[in-house]
Amino acid sequence: MRPDGYWLGLVGGVIVLLLSLELVRRRQVRGRLALAWVVLGAAAVVLALFPELLGDLSAAVNVQVPLNLVLFSGVLFLLVVSMQLASEVGRLESRTRRLAEEVALLRAHLPAAGGSPAADPSTPAAADTAGAARPTTPRAS
């Protein structure tokens, strides 16, 4: 590989490392993902500074072309990140649903803004006020 390629790898690794550290500092990325991105950036910097390590590592795992090991590792990394994000989305969806149910229950038990009791469809007063608020109009056939 030409020396230009090593510089490109080094600059890319430093950018990923600095960007991930800045996002962690601003608390925009937390937890396992933050650690994964910092490790990825550090590994890119190390492999750019010592490219023979990639050749030795690929020989150790019996991969013919060292770049194939990099690409395979990248795919695995993205798969793990995708699975982590999918898990987080599922957890947040259930949390949002639970919070929406709790808000609905709280609104049902709180008095309305005008000081009258909460609109409970089972009480006749609530049914009368609900019907009075929405007058019915005959439909044209």
N, C-alpha and C. Protein backbone atom coordinates (compact mmCIF):
# COMPACT_ATOMS: atom_id res chain seq x y z
N MET A 1 0.85 -1.18 0.00
CA MET A 1 0.00 0.00 0.00
C MET A 1 0.89 1.23 0.00
N ARG A 2 0.44 2.25 -0.72
CA ARG A 2 1.19 3.50 -0.76
C ARG A 2 1.02 4.25 0.56
N PRO A 3 1.99 5.09 0.91
CA PRO A 3 1.89 5.85 2.17
C PRO A 3 0.66 6.76 2.23
N ASP A 4 0.15 7.18 1.06
CA ASP A 4 -1.04 8.02 1.06
C ASP A 4 -2.23 7.28 1.67
N GLY A 5 -2.34 6.00 1.41
CA GLY A 5 -3.42 5.20 1.96
C GLY A 5 -3.37 5.13 3.47
N TYR A 6 -2.19 5.06 4.03
CA TYR A 6 -2.05 5.03 5.49
C TYR A 6 -2.49 6.35 6.10
N TRP A 7 -2.14 7.45 5.45
CA TRP A 7 -2.55 8.76 5.97
C TRP A 7 -4.07 8.92 5.92
N LEU A 8 -4.65 8.41 4.84
CA LEU A 8 -6.10 8.47 4.74
C LEU A 8 -6.76 7.66 5.86
N GLY A 9 -6.24 6.48 6.13
CA GLY A 9 -6.76 5.66 7.23
C GLY A 9 -6.57 6.32 8.58
N LEU A 10 -5.41 6.95 8.75
CA LEU A 10 -5.12 7.63 10.01
C LEU A 10 -6.06 8.82 10.22
N VAL A 11 -6.25 9.61 9.18
CA VAL A 11 -7.14 10.77 9.29
C VAL A 11 -8.58 10.31 9.54
N GLY A 12 -9.01 9.28 8.83
CA GLY A 12 -10.36 8.75 9.04
C GLY A 12 -10.55 8.23 10.46
N GLY A 13 -9.57 7.50 10.96
CA GLY A 13 -9.66 6.99 12.32
C GLY A 13 -9.67 8.09 13.37
N VAL A 14 -8.86 9.11 13.16
CA VAL A 14 -8.83 10.23 14.10
C VAL A 14 -10.17 10.98 14.07
N ILE A 15 -10.73 11.15 12.88
CA ILE A 15 -12.03 11.83 12.78
C ILE A 15 -13.10 11.04 13.51
N VAL A 16 -13.15 9.72 13.31
CA VAL A 16 -14.15 8.89 14.00
C VAL A 16 -13.93 8.95 15.51
N LEU A 17 -12.69 8.88 15.93
CA LEU A 17 -12.38 8.91 17.37
C LEU A 17 -12.79 10.25 17.98
N LEU A 18 -12.40 11.37 17.34
CA LEU A 18 -12.73 12.68 17.89
C LEU A 18 -14.23 12.95 17.85
N LEU A 19 -14.88 12.55 16.77
CA LEU A 19 -16.32 12.75 16.67
C LEU A 19 -17.07 11.94 17.72
N SER A 20 -16.67 10.70 17.93
CA SER A 20 -17.34 9.88 18.94
C SER A 20 -17.10 10.43 20.34
N LEU A 21 -15.90 10.91 20.62
CA LEU A 21 -15.63 11.51 21.94
C LEU A 21 -16.43 12.79 22.13
N GLU A 22 -16.57 13.59 21.08
CA GLU A 22 -17.36 14.83 21.18
C GLU A 22 -18.84 14.53 21.41
N LEU A 23 -19.37 13.51 20.73
CA LEU A 23 -20.77 13.14 20.93
C LEU A 23 -21.01 12.60 22.34
N VAL A 24 -20.04 11.88 22.88
CA VAL A 24 -20.16 11.40 24.26
C VAL A 24 -20.10 12.58 25.22
N ARG A 25 -19.22 13.53 24.94
CA ARG A 25 -19.08 14.70 25.80
C ARG A 25 -20.37 15.52 25.83
N ARG A 26 -21.04 15.64 24.68
CA ARG A 26 -22.31 16.38 24.59
C ARG A 26 -23.50 15.54 25.05
N ARG A 27 -23.26 14.32 25.43
CA ARG A 27 -24.29 13.38 25.89
C ARG A 27 -25.34 13.08 24.82
N GLN A 28 -24.90 13.06 23.55
CA GLN A 28 -25.80 12.69 22.46
C GLN A 28 -25.72 11.20 22.18
N VAL A 29 -24.64 10.56 22.57
CA VAL A 29 -24.46 9.12 22.43
C VAL A 29 -24.03 8.60 23.79
N ARG A 30 -24.71 7.55 24.26
CA ARG A 30 -24.37 7.00 25.58
C ARG A 30 -24.24 5.49 25.50
N GLY A 31 -23.70 4.96 26.57
CA GLY A 31 -23.70 3.51 26.78
C GLY A 31 -22.78 2.73 25.87
N ARG A 32 -23.28 1.55 25.51
CA ARG A 32 -22.48 0.60 24.76
C ARG A 32 -22.11 1.13 23.38
N LEU A 33 -23.02 1.87 22.75
CA LEU A 33 -22.72 2.40 21.43
C LEU A 33 -21.56 3.39 21.47
N ALA A 34 -21.51 4.21 22.50
CA ALA A 34 -20.42 5.17 22.63
C ALA A 34 -19.09 4.44 22.77
N LEU A 35 -19.07 3.42 23.59
CA LEU A 35 -17.85 2.65 23.77
C LEU A 35 -17.44 1.97 22.48
N ALA A 36 -18.42 1.44 21.74
CA ALA A 36 -18.12 0.77 20.48
C ALA A 36 -17.51 1.73 19.47
N TRP A 37 -18.06 2.95 19.38
CA TRP A 37 -17.53 3.91 18.41
C TRP A 37 -16.13 4.38 18.81
N VAL A 38 -15.88 4.55 20.09
CA VAL A 38 -14.55 4.96 20.54
C VAL A 38 -13.54 3.85 20.24
N VAL A 39 -13.92 2.61 20.50
CA VAL A 39 -13.04 1.47 20.22
C VAL A 39 -12.78 1.36 18.71
N LEU A 40 -13.81 1.57 17.91
CA LEU A 40 -13.65 1.52 16.46
C LEU A 40 -12.68 2.60 15.97
N GLY A 41 -12.83 3.80 16.47
CA GLY A 41 -11.91 4.88 16.09
C GLY A 41 -10.49 4.60 16.53
N ALA A 42 -10.32 4.11 17.74
CA ALA A 42 -8.97 3.78 18.23
C ALA A 42 -8.35 2.65 17.41
N ALA A 43 -9.15 1.64 17.05
CA ALA A 43 -8.63 0.54 16.24
C ALA A 43 -8.22 1.02 14.86
N ALA A 44 -8.99 1.94 14.28
CA ALA A 44 -8.63 2.48 12.97
C ALA A 44 -7.32 3.26 13.04
N VAL A 45 -7.13 4.01 14.11
CA VAL A 45 -5.88 4.76 14.27
C VAL A 45 -4.71 3.80 14.43
N VAL A 46 -4.88 2.78 15.26
CA VAL A 46 -3.79 1.82 15.49
C VAL A 46 -3.44 1.07 14.21
N LEU A 47 -4.47 0.63 13.46
CA LEU A 47 -4.20 -0.10 12.21
C LEU A 47 -3.59 0.81 11.15
N ALA A 48 -3.91 2.10 11.18
CA ALA A 48 -3.29 3.02 10.22
C ALA A 48 -1.84 3.29 10.59
N LEU A 49 -1.54 3.33 11.88
CA LEU A 49 -0.16 3.56 12.31
C LEU A 49 0.71 2.31 12.16
N PHE A 50 0.11 1.15 12.37
CA PHE A 50 0.85 -0.12 12.29
C PHE A 50 0.12 -1.07 11.34
N PRO A 51 0.23 -0.88 10.02
CA PRO A 51 -0.53 -1.69 9.08
C PRO A 51 -0.13 -3.16 9.07
N GLU A 52 1.06 -3.47 9.54
CA GLU A 52 1.47 -4.88 9.57
C GLU A 52 0.64 -5.69 10.58
N LEU A 53 0.03 -5.00 11.55
CA LEU A 53 -0.84 -5.70 12.50
C LEU A 53 -2.05 -6.33 11.80
N LEU A 54 -2.57 -5.65 10.79
CA LEU A 54 -3.71 -6.19 10.05
C LEU A 54 -3.30 -7.45 9.30
N GLY A 55 -2.11 -7.44 8.70
CA GLY A 55 -1.61 -8.64 8.01
C GLY A 55 -1.42 -9.80 8.98
N ASP A 56 -0.85 -9.50 10.14
CA ASP A 56 -0.65 -10.55 11.15
C ASP A 56 -1.98 -11.08 11.67
N LEU A 57 -2.94 -10.19 11.88
CA LEU A 57 -4.24 -10.61 12.38
C LEU A 57 -4.98 -11.45 11.35
N SER A 58 -4.89 -11.06 10.09
CA SER A 58 -5.57 -11.84 9.05
C SER A 58 -4.90 -13.21 8.87
N ALA A 59 -3.60 -13.28 9.04
CA ALA A 59 -2.93 -14.57 8.97
C ALA A 59 -3.32 -15.45 10.16
N ALA A 60 -3.51 -14.82 11.32
CA ALA A 60 -3.89 -15.58 12.52
C ALA A 60 -5.27 -16.20 12.39
N VAL A 61 -6.19 -15.54 11.71
CA VAL A 61 -7.53 -16.08 11.55
C VAL A 61 -7.71 -16.74 10.18
N ASN A 62 -6.60 -16.90 9.45
CA ASN A 62 -6.56 -17.61 8.18
C ASN A 62 -7.44 -16.95 7.11
N VAL A 63 -7.31 -15.62 6.98
CA VAL A 63 -7.99 -14.87 5.93
C VAL A 63 -6.92 -14.49 4.91
N GLN A 64 -7.18 -14.78 3.64
CA GLN A 64 -6.19 -14.56 2.59
C GLN A 64 -5.89 -13.08 2.37
N VAL A 65 -6.92 -12.27 2.25
CA VAL A 65 -6.75 -10.84 1.95
C VAL A 65 -7.10 -10.03 3.21
N PRO A 66 -6.16 -9.25 3.72
CA PRO A 66 -6.43 -8.50 4.95
C PRO A 66 -7.62 -7.54 4.84
N LEU A 67 -7.86 -6.97 3.66
CA LEU A 67 -8.99 -6.08 3.49
C LEU A 67 -10.32 -6.81 3.69
N ASN A 68 -10.36 -8.09 3.33
CA ASN A 68 -11.57 -8.87 3.57
C ASN A 68 -11.88 -8.97 5.05
N LEU A 69 -10.86 -9.07 5.87
CA LEU A 69 -11.07 -9.10 7.32
C LEU A 69 -11.63 -7.78 7.82
N VAL A 70 -11.13 -6.68 7.26
CA VAL A 70 -11.64 -5.36 7.64
C VAL A 70 -13.11 -5.23 7.25
N LEU A 71 -13.45 -5.63 6.03
CA LEU A 71 -14.82 -5.52 5.56
C LEU A 71 -15.76 -6.43 6.35
N PHE A 72 -15.33 -7.64 6.63
CA PHE A 72 -16.15 -8.56 7.42
C PHE A 72 -16.36 -8.01 8.83
N SER A 73 -15.31 -7.45 9.42
CA SER A 73 -15.43 -6.87 10.76
C SER A 73 -16.38 -5.68 10.74
N GLY A 74 -16.32 -4.89 9.68
CA GLY A 74 -17.22 -3.74 9.56
C GLY A 74 -18.68 -4.17 9.46
N VAL A 75 -18.93 -5.22 8.69
CA VAL A 75 -20.30 -5.73 8.57
C VAL A 75 -20.79 -6.25 9.92
N LEU A 76 -19.95 -6.98 10.61
CA LEU A 76 -20.34 -7.47 11.95
C LEU A 76 -20.61 -6.31 12.91
N PHE A 77 -19.78 -5.29 12.85
CA PHE A 77 -19.97 -4.13 13.72
C PHE A 77 -21.31 -3.46 13.42
N LEU A 78 -21.61 -3.26 12.15
CA LEU A 78 -22.87 -2.62 11.79
C LEU A 78 -24.07 -3.48 12.15
N LEU A 79 -23.93 -4.79 12.06
CA LEU A 79 -25.01 -5.70 12.47
C LEU A 79 -25.27 -5.59 13.96
N VAL A 80 -24.22 -5.54 14.75
CA VAL A 80 -24.38 -5.40 16.20
C VAL A 80 -25.02 -4.05 16.55
N VAL A 81 -24.59 -2.98 15.88
CA VAL A 81 -25.17 -1.66 16.12
C VAL A 81 -26.66 -1.67 15.75
N SER A 82 -26.99 -2.29 14.62
CA SER A 82 -28.38 -2.37 14.18
C SER A 82 -29.23 -3.15 15.18
N MET A 83 -28.71 -4.25 15.68
CA MET A 83 -29.45 -5.03 16.67
C MET A 83 -29.63 -4.25 17.97
N GLN A 84 -28.61 -3.52 18.38
CA GLN A 84 -28.69 -2.71 19.59
C GLN A 84 -29.75 -1.63 19.43
N LEU A 85 -29.77 -0.97 18.27
CA LEU A 85 -30.75 0.09 18.04
C LEU A 85 -32.16 -0.47 17.95
N ALA A 86 -32.32 -1.63 17.34
CA ALA A 86 -33.65 -2.26 17.26
C ALA A 86 -34.15 -2.62 18.65
N SER A 87 -33.27 -3.11 19.49
CA SER A 87 -33.64 -3.43 20.87
C SER A 87 -34.05 -2.17 21.62
N GLU A 88 -33.31 -1.10 21.41
CA GLU A 88 -33.61 0.17 22.08
C GLU A 88 -34.95 0.73 21.60
N VAL A 89 -35.24 0.63 20.31
CA VAL A 89 -36.51 1.11 19.77
C VAL A 89 -37.67 0.33 20.38
N GLY A 90 -37.54 -0.98 20.48
CA GLY A 90 -38.59 -1.79 21.09
C GLY A 90 -38.83 -1.42 22.54
N ARG A 91 -37.77 -1.19 23.26
CA ARG A 91 -37.89 -0.81 24.66
C ARG A 91 -38.55 0.56 24.79
N LEU A 92 -38.16 1.50 23.94
CA LEU A 92 -38.75 2.83 24.00
C LEU A 92 -40.21 2.84 23.56
N GLU A 93 -40.57 1.99 22.60
CA GLU A 93 -41.98 1.90 22.19
C GLU A 93 -42.85 1.41 23.33
N SER A 94 -42.41 0.39 24.04
CA SER A 94 -43.21 -0.11 25.15
C SER A 94 -43.28 0.91 26.28
N ARG A 95 -42.20 1.63 26.50
CA ARG A 95 -42.20 2.67 27.53
C ARG A 95 -43.15 3.81 27.15
N THR A 96 -43.14 4.20 25.88
CA THR A 96 -44.02 5.26 25.41
C THR A 96 -45.48 4.85 25.53
N ARG A 97 -45.79 3.60 25.17
CA ARG A 97 -47.15 3.11 25.28
C ARG A 97 -47.60 3.12 26.74
N ARG A 98 -46.75 2.67 27.64
CA ARG A 98 -47.09 2.65 29.06
C ARG A 98 -47.32 4.07 29.58
N LEU A 99 -46.46 5.02 29.17
CA LEU A 99 -46.63 6.40 29.61
C LEU A 99 -47.91 7.02 29.05
N ALA A 100 -48.24 6.70 27.81
CA ALA A 100 -49.48 7.21 27.22
C ALA A 100 -50.70 6.66 27.96
N GLU A 101 -50.66 5.40 28.35
CA GLU A 101 -51.76 4.82 29.12
C GLU A 101 -51.88 5.49 30.48
N GLU A 102 -50.75 5.77 31.12
CA GLU A 102 -50.78 6.42 32.43
C GLU A 102 -51.33 7.84 32.31
N VAL A 103 -50.95 8.57 31.26
CA VAL A 103 -51.46 9.92 31.06
C VAL A 103 -52.96 9.88 30.81
N ALA A 104 -53.42 8.92 30.02
CA ALA A 104 -54.86 8.80 29.76
C ALA A 104 -55.62 8.51 31.05
N LEU A 105 -55.08 7.65 31.90
CA LEU A 105 -55.73 7.37 33.18
C LEU A 105 -55.75 8.60 34.08
N LEU A 106 -54.66 9.35 34.11
CA LEU A 106 -54.61 10.56 34.93
C LEU A 106 -55.60 11.60 34.43
N ARG A 107 -55.70 11.75 33.12
CA ARG A 107 -56.64 12.72 32.56
C ARG A 107 -58.08 12.31 32.84
N ALA A 108 -58.36 11.03 32.87
CA ALA A 108 -59.71 10.56 33.15
C ALA A 108 -60.12 10.84 34.59
N HIS A 109 -59.16 10.89 35.50
CA HIS A 109 -59.48 11.09 36.91
C HIS A 109 -59.35 12.53 37.36
N LEU A 110 -58.75 13.40 36.56
CA LEU A 110 -58.61 14.80 36.94
C LEU A 110 -59.84 15.58 36.53
N PRO A 111 -60.20 16.61 37.30
CA PRO A 111 -61.33 17.44 36.89
C PRO A 111 -60.99 18.22 35.63
N ALA A 112 -62.01 18.57 34.87
CA ALA A 112 -61.81 19.33 33.64
C ALA A 112 -61.34 20.74 33.99
N ALA A 113 -60.96 21.50 33.00
CA ALA A 113 -60.39 22.83 33.24
C ALA A 113 -61.40 23.78 33.88
N GLY A 114 -62.70 23.59 33.61
CA GLY A 114 -63.72 24.48 34.16
C GLY A 114 -64.12 24.15 35.59
N GLY A 115 -63.53 23.19 36.20
CA GLY A 115 -63.85 22.84 37.57
C GLY A 115 -64.93 21.78 37.69
N SER A 116 -65.51 21.32 36.58
CA SER A 116 -66.52 20.27 36.64
C SER A 116 -65.85 18.92 36.75
N PRO A 117 -66.58 17.89 37.16
CA PRO A 117 -65.97 16.57 37.26
C PRO A 117 -65.50 16.07 35.91
N ALA A 118 -64.62 15.14 35.95
CA ALA A 118 -64.05 14.60 34.71
C ALA A 118 -65.14 13.97 33.87
N ALA A 119 -64.96 14.05 32.57
CA ALA A 119 -65.95 13.49 31.65
C ALA A 119 -65.84 11.98 31.66
N ASP A 120 -66.76 11.36 32.38
CA ASP A 120 -66.81 9.90 32.44
C ASP A 120 -68.01 9.46 31.64
N PRO A 121 -67.83 8.70 30.55
CA PRO A 121 -68.95 8.34 29.70
C PRO A 121 -70.01 7.52 30.42
N SER A 122 -69.71 6.94 31.55
CA SER A 122 -70.70 6.11 32.25
C SER A 122 -71.69 6.93 33.05
N THR A 123 -71.37 8.21 33.38
CA THR A 123 -72.28 9.04 34.15
C THR A 123 -73.23 9.78 33.21
N PRO A 124 -74.50 9.96 33.63
CA PRO A 124 -75.45 10.65 32.75
C PRO A 124 -75.09 12.11 32.52
N ALA A 125 -74.51 12.79 33.50
CA ALA A 125 -74.16 14.20 33.33
C ALA A 125 -73.09 14.36 32.26
N ALA A 126 -72.13 13.47 32.25
CA ALA A 126 -71.07 13.54 31.25
C ALA A 126 -71.62 13.25 29.87
N ALA A 127 -72.57 12.31 29.79
CA ALA A 127 -73.16 11.99 28.49
C ALA A 127 -73.97 13.16 27.98
N ASP A 128 -74.69 13.88 28.89
CA ASP A 128 -75.48 15.03 28.46
C ASP A 128 -74.58 16.16 27.97
N THR A 129 -73.51 16.45 28.71
CA THR A 129 -72.63 17.54 28.29
C THR A 129 -71.88 17.19 27.02
N ALA A 130 -71.55 15.92 26.84
CA ALA A 130 -70.86 15.53 25.62
C ALA A 130 -71.79 15.66 24.43
N GLY A 131 -73.08 15.29 24.62
CA GLY A 131 -74.04 15.42 23.54
C GLY A 131 -74.36 16.87 23.25
N ALA A 132 -74.37 17.73 24.29
CA ALA A 132 -74.69 19.13 24.10
C ALA A 132 -73.55 19.86 23.40
N ALA A 133 -72.37 19.42 23.59
CA ALA A 133 -71.23 20.08 22.97
C ALA A 133 -71.16 19.81 21.48
N ARG A 134 -71.76 18.70 21.04
CA ARG A 134 -71.71 18.35 19.64
C ARG A 134 -73.13 18.21 19.10
N PRO A 135 -73.70 19.29 18.60
CA PRO A 135 -75.05 19.18 18.08
C PRO A 135 -75.07 18.31 16.82
N THR A 136 -76.14 17.59 16.67
CA THR A 136 -76.25 16.73 15.50
C THR A 136 -76.95 17.49 14.39
N THR A 137 -76.52 17.27 13.18
CA THR A 137 -77.16 17.89 12.01
C THR A 137 -77.65 16.78 11.13
N PRO A 138 -78.82 16.96 10.54
CA PRO A 138 -79.32 15.90 9.65
C PRO A 138 -78.47 15.81 8.39
N ARG A 139 -78.27 14.60 7.93
CA ARG A 139 -77.47 14.38 6.71
C ARG A 139 -78.37 14.46 5.49
N ALA A 140 -77.80 15.05 4.46
CA ALA A 140 -78.54 15.10 3.20
C ALA A 140 -78.34 13.79 2.47
N SER A 141 -79.44 13.21 1.96
CA SER A 141 -79.32 11.94 1.27
C SER A 141 -79.18 12.16 -0.20
